[in-house]
Every structure is written in C-alpha cells, then in structure tokens.
Amino acid sequence: MDKMAALEAKVKELIKHSTGLKRRAVQLESRLREADAKLARHAAGSRQREKEREWIRGRLRKILGELELIEHREDDRQAGRN
C-alpha cells in the first residue's frame, strides 16, 4: 500500500505541476500577444513617420530648387547689367 500511496502522491504532484505550467503558458501567450500588438503599433508608427520624412524631404528639395532658380535669375540679371 505504501507504494500505491507514494505513486498517487507523485501523480497528484505531477497534475499540480502540469496545471501550474498550463497557467504559466497561458500568461506567457497573453504577454506575447500584447508584445506582438505593441510591436505592430510601433512598426505602423515608424512607417508613418518615414512617409512624413519622405514628404518633408520632397518639399525641401522643391523649395531648394526654387531658391536655386531665383538665385540663378538674380545672377543672370546682375550679369546682364555689367
């Protein structure tokens, strides 16, 4: 009977340990889903900021191009006067 009681105690402990592991797995899965969602939000924000930076770069190139044209016109006018 002692062997049977010891075996039963081991089985109960394994069940308890298994239950704890399952609970921990559920917690970790939840944290992983939260981390994945956070990462997706950050990636989306990063893509949006990159689009905005590209738009700003384009606008700056356009403005610099226009300033260069103005400068060339001014140079041409001054060269025409001399």
N, C-alpha and C. Protein backbone atom coordinates (compact mmCIF):
# COMPACT_ATOMS: atom_id res chain seq x y z
N MET A 1 0.81 -1.20 0.00
CA MET A 1 0.00 0.00 0.00
C MET A 1 0.86 1.27 0.00
N ASP A 2 1.99 1.25 0.62
CA ASP A 2 2.85 2.42 0.67
C ASP A 2 3.30 2.83 -0.73
N LYS A 3 3.58 1.84 -1.56
CA LYS A 3 3.99 2.14 -2.93
C LYS A 3 2.86 2.81 -3.68
N MET A 4 1.65 2.33 -3.44
CA MET A 4 0.49 2.90 -4.11
C MET A 4 0.25 4.34 -3.64
N ALA A 5 0.41 4.61 -2.37
CA ALA A 5 0.23 5.96 -1.82
C ALA A 5 1.31 6.89 -2.37
N ALA A 6 2.54 6.37 -2.45
CA ALA A 6 3.64 7.19 -2.98
C ALA A 6 3.39 7.51 -4.45
N LEU A 7 2.93 6.50 -5.20
CA LEU A 7 2.64 6.72 -6.61
C LEU A 7 1.50 7.72 -6.78
N GLU A 8 0.48 7.59 -5.95
CA GLU A 8 -0.65 8.52 -6.01
C GLU A 8 -0.20 9.94 -5.68
N ALA A 9 0.68 10.10 -4.72
CA ALA A 9 1.20 11.42 -4.35
C ALA A 9 2.00 12.02 -5.50
N LYS A 10 2.79 11.19 -6.16
CA LYS A 10 3.56 11.67 -7.31
C LYS A 10 2.65 12.10 -8.45
N VAL A 11 1.61 11.31 -8.70
CA VAL A 11 0.66 11.66 -9.76
C VAL A 11 -0.03 12.97 -9.43
N LYS A 12 -0.46 13.16 -8.18
CA LYS A 12 -1.10 14.41 -7.78
C LYS A 12 -0.15 15.59 -7.93
N GLU A 13 1.12 15.37 -7.57
CA GLU A 13 2.11 16.44 -7.72
C GLU A 13 2.34 16.77 -9.19
N LEU A 14 2.39 15.75 -10.04
CA LEU A 14 2.55 15.98 -11.48
C LEU A 14 1.36 16.75 -12.04
N ILE A 15 0.18 16.40 -11.60
CA ILE A 15 -1.03 17.11 -12.06
C ILE A 15 -0.97 18.57 -11.61
N LYS A 16 -0.57 18.78 -10.34
CA LYS A 16 -0.46 20.14 -9.83
C LYS A 16 0.59 20.92 -10.63
N HIS A 17 1.73 20.30 -10.87
CA HIS A 17 2.80 20.94 -11.63
C HIS A 17 2.33 21.22 -13.06
N SER A 18 1.64 20.28 -13.66
CA SER A 18 1.12 20.45 -15.02
C SER A 18 0.14 21.61 -15.08
N THR A 19 -0.71 21.71 -14.11
CA THR A 19 -1.69 22.80 -14.04
C THR A 19 -0.96 24.14 -13.94
N GLY A 20 0.06 24.21 -13.12
CA GLY A 20 0.85 25.43 -12.99
C GLY A 20 1.53 25.79 -14.30
N LEU A 21 2.07 24.80 -14.99
CA LEU A 21 2.71 25.04 -16.28
C LEU A 21 1.71 25.55 -17.31
N LYS A 22 0.52 24.96 -17.31
CA LYS A 22 -0.52 25.41 -18.25
C LYS A 22 -0.91 26.85 -17.96
N ARG A 23 -1.06 27.19 -16.69
CA ARG A 23 -1.40 28.55 -16.31
C ARG A 23 -0.30 29.52 -16.75
N ARG A 24 0.95 29.13 -16.53
CA ARG A 24 2.09 29.97 -16.93
C ARG A 24 2.13 30.12 -18.45
N ALA A 25 1.84 29.04 -19.17
CA ALA A 25 1.83 29.09 -20.64
C ALA A 25 0.77 30.07 -21.13
N VAL A 26 -0.39 30.06 -20.50
CA VAL A 26 -1.46 30.99 -20.87
C VAL A 26 -1.02 32.43 -20.61
N GLN A 27 -0.37 32.67 -19.46
CA GLN A 27 0.12 34.01 -19.15
C GLN A 27 1.16 34.46 -20.18
N LEU A 28 2.07 33.56 -20.51
CA LEU A 28 3.12 33.91 -21.48
C LEU A 28 2.54 34.15 -22.87
N GLU A 29 1.55 33.36 -23.26
CA GLU A 29 0.90 33.57 -24.56
C GLU A 29 0.22 34.94 -24.59
N SER A 30 -0.40 35.31 -23.50
CA SER A 30 -1.06 36.62 -23.42
C SER A 30 -0.02 37.74 -23.52
N ARG A 31 1.07 37.60 -22.81
CA ARG A 31 2.13 38.62 -22.88
C ARG A 31 2.72 38.69 -24.28
N LEU A 32 2.86 37.53 -24.92
CA LEU A 32 3.40 37.51 -26.28
C LEU A 32 2.45 38.22 -27.25
N ARG A 33 1.15 37.97 -27.12
CA ARG A 33 0.18 38.66 -27.98
C ARG A 33 0.24 40.17 -27.76
N GLU A 34 0.35 40.58 -26.49
CA GLU A 34 0.44 42.01 -26.18
C GLU A 34 1.71 42.61 -26.79
N ALA A 35 2.82 41.89 -26.66
CA ALA A 35 4.09 42.37 -27.23
C ALA A 35 4.01 42.45 -28.75
N ASP A 36 3.39 41.45 -29.38
CA ASP A 36 3.22 41.46 -30.83
C ASP A 36 2.38 42.66 -31.28
N ALA A 37 1.30 42.92 -30.53
CA ALA A 37 0.43 44.05 -30.87
C ALA A 37 1.19 45.37 -30.70
N LYS A 38 1.97 45.48 -29.63
CA LYS A 38 2.76 46.69 -29.40
C LYS A 38 3.78 46.88 -30.51
N LEU A 39 4.43 45.80 -30.89
CA LEU A 39 5.41 45.86 -31.97
C LEU A 39 4.76 46.28 -33.29
N ALA A 40 3.58 45.75 -33.55
CA ALA A 40 2.86 46.12 -34.78
C ALA A 40 2.50 47.61 -34.76
N ARG A 41 2.08 48.12 -33.60
CA ARG A 41 1.75 49.56 -33.49
C ARG A 41 3.00 50.40 -33.72
N HIS A 42 4.11 49.99 -33.13
CA HIS A 42 5.35 50.74 -33.32
C HIS A 42 5.80 50.69 -34.78
N ALA A 43 5.66 49.53 -35.41
CA ALA A 43 6.05 49.41 -36.82
C ALA A 43 5.18 50.32 -37.69
N ALA A 44 3.89 50.34 -37.40
CA ALA A 44 2.98 51.20 -38.17
C ALA A 44 3.35 52.67 -37.96
N GLY A 45 3.65 53.04 -36.73
CA GLY A 45 4.04 54.42 -36.44
C GLY A 45 5.35 54.77 -37.14
N SER A 46 6.25 53.81 -37.16
CA SER A 46 7.54 54.03 -37.82
C SER A 46 7.35 54.23 -39.32
N ARG A 47 6.49 53.41 -39.92
CA ARG A 47 6.22 53.57 -41.35
C ARG A 47 5.59 54.93 -41.63
N GLN A 48 4.69 55.36 -40.78
CA GLN A 48 4.04 56.66 -40.95
C GLN A 48 5.06 57.78 -40.84
N ARG A 49 5.94 57.70 -39.84
CA ARG A 49 6.96 58.74 -39.69
C ARG A 49 7.91 58.76 -40.89
N GLU A 50 8.23 57.60 -41.43
CA GLU A 50 9.10 57.54 -42.60
C GLU A 50 8.42 58.20 -43.81
N LYS A 51 7.12 57.96 -43.98
CA LYS A 51 6.38 58.61 -45.06
C LYS A 51 6.41 60.13 -44.88
N GLU A 52 6.22 60.57 -43.65
CA GLU A 52 6.23 62.01 -43.38
C GLU A 52 7.61 62.59 -43.67
N ARG A 53 8.67 61.89 -43.27
CA ARG A 53 10.03 62.36 -43.55
C ARG A 53 10.27 62.45 -45.05
N GLU A 54 9.81 61.47 -45.81
CA GLU A 54 9.97 61.49 -47.26
C GLU A 54 9.21 62.67 -47.87
N TRP A 55 8.03 62.95 -47.37
CA TRP A 55 7.24 64.08 -47.86
C TRP A 55 7.99 65.38 -47.57
N ILE A 56 8.53 65.50 -46.34
CA ILE A 56 9.27 66.71 -45.97
C ILE A 56 10.51 66.86 -46.84
N ARG A 57 11.23 65.75 -47.08
CA ARG A 57 12.41 65.80 -47.95
C ARG A 57 12.04 66.29 -49.34
N GLY A 58 10.93 65.79 -49.86
CA GLY A 58 10.46 66.21 -51.18
C GLY A 58 10.14 67.69 -51.21
N ARG A 59 9.46 68.15 -50.17
CA ARG A 59 9.12 69.58 -50.10
C ARG A 59 10.39 70.43 -50.01
N LEU A 60 11.35 69.98 -49.20
CA LEU A 60 12.60 70.74 -49.07
C LEU A 60 13.37 70.77 -50.38
N ARG A 61 13.40 69.63 -51.09
CA ARG A 61 14.07 69.61 -52.41
C ARG A 61 13.41 70.61 -53.36
N LYS A 62 12.09 70.64 -53.33
CA LYS A 62 11.36 71.56 -54.21
C LYS A 62 11.68 73.01 -53.85
N ILE A 63 11.66 73.32 -52.57
CA ILE A 63 11.94 74.68 -52.12
C ILE A 63 13.37 75.06 -52.47
N LEU A 64 14.32 74.14 -52.22
CA LEU A 64 15.72 74.43 -52.56
C LEU A 64 15.90 74.62 -54.06
N GLY A 65 15.18 73.83 -54.85
CA GLY A 65 15.23 74.01 -56.30
C GLY A 65 14.71 75.37 -56.71
N GLU A 66 13.60 75.79 -56.10
CA GLU A 66 13.04 77.10 -56.41
C GLU A 66 14.00 78.21 -55.99
N LEU A 67 14.62 78.05 -54.83
CA LEU A 67 15.59 79.06 -54.38
C LEU A 67 16.78 79.13 -55.32
N GLU A 68 17.21 77.98 -55.81
CA GLU A 68 18.32 77.95 -56.75
C GLU A 68 17.95 78.66 -58.05
N LEU A 69 16.71 78.46 -58.52
CA LEU A 69 16.26 79.16 -59.73
C LEU A 69 16.24 80.67 -59.51
N ILE A 70 15.76 81.08 -58.35
CA ILE A 70 15.73 82.51 -58.03
C ILE A 70 17.15 83.07 -58.01
N GLU A 71 18.05 82.30 -57.40
CA GLU A 71 19.44 82.74 -57.33
C GLU A 71 20.05 82.86 -58.73
N HIS A 72 19.77 81.89 -59.60
CA HIS A 72 20.30 81.94 -60.97
C HIS A 72 19.71 83.13 -61.73
N ARG A 73 18.44 83.39 -61.54
CA ARG A 73 17.83 84.54 -62.20
C ARG A 73 18.47 85.83 -61.74
N GLU A 74 18.72 85.91 -60.44
CA GLU A 74 19.36 87.10 -59.90
C GLU A 74 20.77 87.23 -60.46
N ASP A 75 21.50 86.10 -60.53
CA ASP A 75 22.84 86.13 -61.12
C ASP A 75 22.79 86.58 -62.58
N ASP A 76 21.79 86.05 -63.32
CA ASP A 76 21.64 86.43 -64.73
C ASP A 76 21.34 87.92 -64.88
N ARG A 77 20.49 88.45 -64.01
CA ARG A 77 20.15 89.87 -64.05
C ARG A 77 21.40 90.73 -63.76
N GLN A 78 22.15 90.31 -62.77
CA GLN A 78 23.35 91.07 -62.42
C GLN A 78 24.38 90.97 -63.53
N ALA A 79 24.51 89.83 -64.17
CA ALA A 79 25.45 89.66 -65.27
C ALA A 79 25.00 90.50 -66.46
N GLY A 80 23.72 90.67 -66.68
CA GLY A 80 23.20 91.48 -67.76
C GLY A 80 23.43 92.96 -67.55
N ARG A 81 23.50 93.39 -66.35
CA ARG A 81 23.72 94.80 -66.02
C ARG A 81 25.17 95.18 -66.24
N ASN A 82 26.06 94.24 -66.02
CA ASN A 82 27.50 94.56 -66.13
C ASN A 82 27.95 94.58 -67.53
